[in-house]
Every structure is written in C-alpha cells, then in structure tokens.
C-alpha atoms as a PDB file:
ATOM      1  CA  MET A   1     116.653   3.850 -29.049  1.00  0.00           C
ATOM      2  CA  SER A   2     120.259   5.055 -29.180  1.00  0.00           C
ATOM      3  CA  ALA A   3     122.605   4.109 -32.008  1.00  0.00           C
ATOM      4  CA  SER A   4     124.709   1.941 -29.700  1.00  0.00           C
ATOM      5  CA  GLU A   5     121.623   0.089 -28.439  1.00  0.00           C
ATOM      6  CA  GLU A   6     120.483  -0.447 -32.010  1.00  0.00           C
ATOM      7  CA  ASN A   7     123.923  -1.744 -33.051  1.00  0.00           C
ATOM      8  CA  SER A   8     123.965  -4.041 -30.042  1.00  0.00           C
ATOM      9  CA  ARG A   9     120.474  -5.296 -30.869  1.00  0.00           C
ATOM     10  CA  SER A  10     121.250  -5.877 -34.560  1.00  0.00           C
ATOM     11  CA  GLY A  11     124.466  -7.688 -33.555  1.00  0.00           C
ATOM     12  CA  ALA A  12     122.450  -9.948 -31.273  1.00  0.00           C
ATOM     13  CA  GLN A  13     119.948 -10.606 -34.042  1.00  0.00           C
ATOM     14  CA  SER A  14     122.633 -11.547 -36.557  1.00  0.00           C
ATOM     15  CA  LYS A  15     124.262 -13.802 -33.946  1.00  0.00           C
ATOM     16  CA  ASP A  16     120.891 -15.460 -33.274  1.00  0.00           C
ATOM     17  CA  GLU A  17     120.279 -15.904 -36.987  1.00  0.00           C
ATOM     18  CA  LYS A  18     123.545 -17.824 -37.303  1.00  0.00           C
ATOM     19  CA  THR A  19     122.395 -20.254 -34.598  1.00  0.00           C
ATOM     20  CA  ILE A  20     119.487 -21.930 -36.328  1.00  0.00           C
ATOM     21  CA  GLY A  21     117.159 -23.470 -33.779  1.00  0.00           C
ATOM     22  CA  GLY A  22     119.883 -24.098 -31.240  1.00  0.00           C
ATOM     23  CA  ALA A  23     122.249 -25.805 -33.679  1.00  0.00           C
ATOM     24  CA  PRO A  24     125.071 -27.743 -32.036  1.00  0.00           C
ATOM     25  CA  LYS A  25     128.056 -25.492 -31.475  1.00  0.00           C
ATOM     26  CA  ASN A  26     130.673 -28.067 -30.537  1.00  0.00           C
ATOM     27  CA  LEU A  27     130.054 -31.338 -32.292  1.00  0.00           C
ATOM     28  CA  MET A  28     133.017 -32.924 -30.523  1.00  0.00           C
ATOM     29  CA  VAL A  29     131.067 -33.014 -27.222  1.00  0.00           C
ATOM     30  CA  PRO A  30     128.545 -35.751 -28.091  1.00  0.00           C
ATOM     31  CA  PHE A  31     131.315 -37.869 -29.608  1.00  0.00           C
ATOM     32  CA  LEU A  32     133.407 -37.550 -26.448  1.00  0.00           C
ATOM     33  CA  LEU A  33     130.427 -38.429 -24.267  1.00  0.00           C
ATOM     34  CA  LEU A  34     129.536 -41.390 -26.459  1.00  0.00           C
ATOM     35  CA  SER A  35     133.142 -42.609 -26.323  1.00  0.00           C
ATOM     36  CA  LEU A  36     132.967 -42.554 -22.528  1.00  0.00           C
ATOM     37  CA  ARG A  37     129.672 -44.403 -22.333  1.00  0.00           C
ATOM     38  CA  GLY A  38     130.198 -47.701 -20.584  1.00  0.00           C
ATOM     39  CA  TRP A  39     133.934 -47.503 -19.952  1.00  0.00           C
ATOM     40  CA  ASN A  40     136.736 -45.354 -18.551  1.00  0.00           C
ATOM     41  CA  VAL A  41     139.182 -43.952 -21.084  1.00  0.00           C
ATOM     42  CA  HIS A  42     142.446 -41.989 -21.159  1.00  0.00           C
ATOM     43  CA  GLY A  43     142.521 -38.695 -23.052  1.00  0.00           C
ATOM     44  CA  TYR A  44     144.822 -40.140 -25.717  1.00  0.00           C
ATOM     45  CA  GLU A  45     142.332 -42.948 -26.374  1.00  0.00           C
ATOM     46  CA  LEU A  46     139.533 -40.366 -26.688  1.00  0.00           C
ATOM     47  CA  ILE A  47     141.540 -38.488 -29.298  1.00  0.00           C
ATOM     48  CA  GLN A  48     142.096 -41.726 -31.225  1.00  0.00           C
ATOM     49  CA  GLN A  49     138.347 -42.419 -31.059  1.00  0.00           C
ATOM     50  CA  LEU A  50     137.563 -38.941 -32.438  1.00  0.00           C
ATOM     51  CA  ILE A  51     139.845 -39.675 -35.379  1.00  0.00           C
ATOM     52  CA  LYS A  52     137.998 -42.978 -35.960  1.00  0.00           C
ATOM     53  CA  PHE A  53     134.695 -41.075 -35.898  1.00  0.00           C
ATOM     54  CA  GLY A  54     136.024 -39.027 -38.805  1.00  0.00           C
ATOM     55  CA  PHE A  55     137.140 -35.723 -37.298  1.00  0.00           C
ATOM     56  CA  PRO A  56     139.580 -34.432 -39.919  1.00  0.00           C
ATOM     57  CA  SER A  57     142.011 -32.768 -37.532  1.00  0.00           C
ATOM     58  CA  ILE A  58     142.208 -32.860 -33.784  1.00  0.00           C
ATOM     59  CA  ASP A  59     143.580 -30.067 -31.629  1.00  0.00           C
ATOM     60  CA  GLN A  60     144.663 -32.071 -28.577  1.00  0.00           C
ATOM     61  CA  GLY A  61     144.654 -28.975 -26.369  1.00  0.00           C
ATOM     62  CA  ASN A  62     141.052 -28.292 -27.356  1.00  0.00           C
ATOM     63  CA  VAL A  63     140.060 -31.877 -26.489  1.00  0.00           C
ATOM     64  CA  TYR A  64     141.556 -31.580 -23.002  1.00  0.00           C
ATOM     65  CA  ARG A  65     139.999 -28.115 -22.479  1.00  0.00           C
ATOM     66  CA  THR A  66     136.632 -29.541 -23.505  1.00  0.00           C
ATOM     67  CA  LEU A  67     137.073 -32.475 -21.111  1.00  0.00           C
ATOM     68  CA  ARG A  68     137.933 -30.080 -18.252  1.00  0.00           C
ATOM     69  CA  GLN A  69     134.847 -27.997 -19.038  1.00  0.00           C
ATOM     70  CA  LEU A  70     132.682 -31.127 -19.147  1.00  0.00           C
ATOM     71  CA  GLU A  71     134.132 -32.079 -15.775  1.00  0.00           C
ATOM     72  CA  LYS A  72     133.322 -28.631 -14.350  1.00  0.00           C
ATOM     73  CA  ASP A  73     129.783 -29.076 -15.693  1.00  0.00           C
ATOM     74  CA  ASN A  74     129.580 -32.495 -13.957  1.00  0.00           C
ATOM     75  CA  MET A  75     129.129 -34.347 -17.254  1.00  0.00           C
ATOM     76  CA  VAL A  76     132.435 -36.178 -16.897  1.00  0.00           C
ATOM     77  CA  LYS A  77     134.599 -37.172 -13.969  1.00  0.00           C
ATOM     78  CA  SER A  78     138.265 -38.076 -13.945  1.00  0.00           C
ATOM     79  CA  GLU A  79     140.725 -39.873 -11.719  1.00  0.00           C
ATOM     80  CA  TRP A  80     144.475 -40.274 -11.849  1.00  0.00           C
ATOM     81  CA  ASP A  81     145.625 -43.698 -13.016  1.00  0.00           C
ATOM     82  CA  THR A  82     148.910 -44.646 -11.403  1.00  0.00           C
ATOM     83  CA  SER A  83     148.648 -48.376 -12.082  1.00  0.00           C
ATOM     84  CA  THR A  84     150.978 -48.321 -15.077  1.00  0.00           C
ATOM     85  CA  GLY A  85     154.734 -47.983 -14.865  1.00  0.00           C
ATOM     86  CA  GLY A  86     154.809 -44.604 -16.614  1.00  0.00           C
ATOM     87  CA  PRO A  87     153.589 -41.227 -15.507  1.00  0.00           C
ATOM     88  CA  ALA A  88     150.097 -40.899 -14.013  1.00  0.00           C
ATOM     89  CA  LYS A  89     147.318 -40.376 -16.554  1.00  0.00           C
ATOM     90  CA  ARG A  90     143.786 -39.138 -16.168  1.00  0.00           C
ATOM     91  CA  ILE A  91     141.014 -41.627 -16.786  1.00  0.00           C
ATOM     92  CA  TYR A  92     137.710 -40.052 -17.804  1.00  0.00           C
ATOM     93  CA  SER A  93     134.258 -41.505 -17.266  1.00  0.00           C
ATOM     94  CA  LEU A  94     130.692 -40.420 -17.914  1.00  0.00           C
ATOM     95  CA  THR A  95     128.487 -39.233 -15.044  1.00  0.00           C
ATOM     96  CA  ASP A  96     124.708 -39.641 -14.804  1.00  0.00           C
ATOM     97  CA  ALA A  97     124.354 -35.974 -15.802  1.00  0.00           C
ATOM     98  CA  GLY A  98     126.621 -36.675 -18.780  1.00  0.00           C
ATOM     99  CA  GLU A  99     124.435 -39.610 -19.775  1.00  0.00           C
ATOM    100  CA  GLN A 100     121.357 -37.347 -19.743  1.00  0.00           C
ATOM    101  CA  TYR A 101     123.208 -34.686 -21.731  1.00  0.00           C
ATOM    102  CA  LEU A 102     124.245 -37.338 -24.271  1.00  0.00           C
ATOM    103  CA  LYS A 103     120.587 -38.352 -24.667  1.00  0.00           C
ATOM    104  CA  SER A 104     119.712 -34.701 -25.284  1.00  0.00           C
ATOM    105  CA  TRP A 105     122.443 -34.448 -27.909  1.00  0.00           C
ATOM    106  CA  ALA A 106     121.249 -37.665 -29.567  1.00  0.00           C
ATOM    107  CA  SER A 107     117.738 -36.272 -29.832  1.00  0.00           C
ATOM    108  CA  SER A 108     118.995 -33.018 -31.347  1.00  0.00           C
ATOM    109  CA  LEU A 109     121.283 -34.815 -33.762  1.00  0.00           C
ATOM    110  CA  GLU A 110     118.434 -37.078 -34.826  1.00  0.00           C
ATOM    111  CA  GLN A 111     116.424 -33.986 -35.779  1.00  0.00           C
ATOM    112  CA  TYR A 112     119.378 -32.596 -37.717  1.00  0.00           C
ATOM    113  CA  GLN A 113     119.861 -35.923 -39.468  1.00  0.00           C
ATOM    114  CA  SER A 114     116.243 -35.809 -40.585  1.00  0.00           C
ATOM    115  CA  MET A 115     116.741 -32.277 -41.899  1.00  0.00           C
ATOM    116  CA  LEU A 116     119.948 -33.277 -43.680  1.00  0.00           C
ATOM    117  CA  ASP A 117     118.261 -36.323 -45.213  1.00  0.00           C
ATOM    118  CA  ARG A 118     115.520 -34.076 -46.622  1.00  0.00           C
ATOM    119  CA  PHE A 119     118.118 -31.588 -47.861  1.00  0.00           C
ATOM    120  CA  PHE A 120     120.146 -34.222 -49.710  1.00  0.00           C
ATOM    121  CA  THR A 121     117.040 -35.856 -51.119  1.00  0.00           C
ATOM    122  CA  MET A 122     116.061 -32.523 -52.626  1.00  0.00           C
ATOM    123  CA  TYR A 123     119.636 -31.668 -53.603  1.00  0.00           C
ATOM    124  CA  THR A 124     120.269 -34.920 -55.427  1.00  0.00           C
ATOM    125  CA  GLY A 125     116.824 -34.658 -57.029  1.00  0.00           C
ATOM    126  CA  PHE A 126     118.082 -31.673 -58.976  1.00  0.00           C
ATOM    127  CA  PHE A 127     120.938 -33.697 -60.474  1.00  0.00           C
ATOM    128  CA  ILE A 128     119.580 -37.210 -60.754  1.00  0.00           C
ATOM    129  CA  PRO A 129     116.483 -37.681 -62.887  1.00  0.00           C
ATOM    130  CA  SER A 130     113.601 -39.333 -61.112  1.00  0.00           C
ATOM    131  CA  SER A 131     113.073 -43.022 -61.736  1.00  0.00           C
ATOM    132  CA  MET A 132     109.918 -42.296 -63.739  1.00  0.00           C
ATOM    133  CA  ASP A 133     111.880 -39.874 -65.933  1.00  0.00           C
ATOM    134  CA  MET A 134     114.361 -42.596 -66.866  1.00  0.00           C
ATOM    135  CA  TYR A 135     111.643 -44.839 -68.295  1.00  0.00           C
ATOM    136  CA  ARG A 136     110.014 -42.207 -70.477  1.00  0.00           C
ATOM    137  CA  THR A 137     111.008 -41.956 -74.089  1.00  0.00           C
ATOM    138  CA  ASP A 138     112.411 -38.774 -75.606  1.00  0.00           C
ATOM    139  CA  LYS A 139     109.155 -38.390 -77.566  1.00  0.00           C
ATOM    140  CA  GLU A 140     107.091 -38.481 -74.315  1.00  0.00           C
ATOM    141  CA  LYS A 141     109.337 -35.911 -72.724  1.00  0.00           C
ATOM    142  CA  LYS A 142     108.994 -33.583 -75.738  1.00  0.00           C
ATOM    143  CA  GLU A 143     105.198 -33.984 -75.772  1.00  0.00           C
ATOM    144  CA  GLU A 144     105.057 -32.987 -72.114  1.00  0.00           C
ATOM    145  CA  LYS A 145     106.731 -29.656 -72.898  1.00  0.00           C
END
C-alpha cells in the first residue's frame, strides 16, 4: 500500500471513529421536521420554534439552507404565500417521506437518550453517594474498609 493510500485510509478511519454508530450530524433537522408535523409554517416561525426548543444560537441562513436541502430531498415542500399584504413568504410543510424520516430520527434519538440516561446515571453515581450509603453509620463504613 502506498503512503498516500495509507494516509487516505487512516483519515477515513479517524473520520469513521468520530461518527459513533451513525450519530446524528445535524440535530436541527428532526426539530424542523417535528415543527412542520401537522401544520404549514413560515421560515421565521420555524426559527422561533428552534429557539423555544432550546437551540442556543440560530444561524438563519443555515436554517434556510437546511430547508432547501430537505426540499431537494423531498422531505419538505414549500409554496409561496401571497395572502398577506406584505411580501410573499414561503410556507413549508412536511411530506410523507419527511414523516418517515422523522420517525427514523425519533428512533435514533430514543437510542441516544437511553445511552445518555445510562451515562448520567453512572456519572452522577460518582458524585452522589448511593441511598444505601447515606443510611450507614461512619463506623459501618470504616468496618467495611
């Protein structure tokens, strides 16, 4: 194997190692899809919903690029709304393919939630004494050692 092939291969391996079991790459996507479930929404309203979900900072350009990509992927569709007195605005809605993709995301996120629950249970266990530990006397603890 040549040095360039080996470098390419090791680069691919390190990239794969960073993506643990297909970890979500763009967490905004399921939140956008969920926000569109059941109703049609303007981009501005989607951004406001992302803020309510707890996204610390929103790059509006990134939201609209993501929506355009979701539309190209047939997950979302949009139409121009000219019913208001102001300029026309796009209204986004979820497609059937988007609904299926949302279900896939929900399943993946449920697995991650389970992993995170286990992580924090273990993590807090290191800092918070177990309930049995709280009821033992200092003498019992010393005898155990």
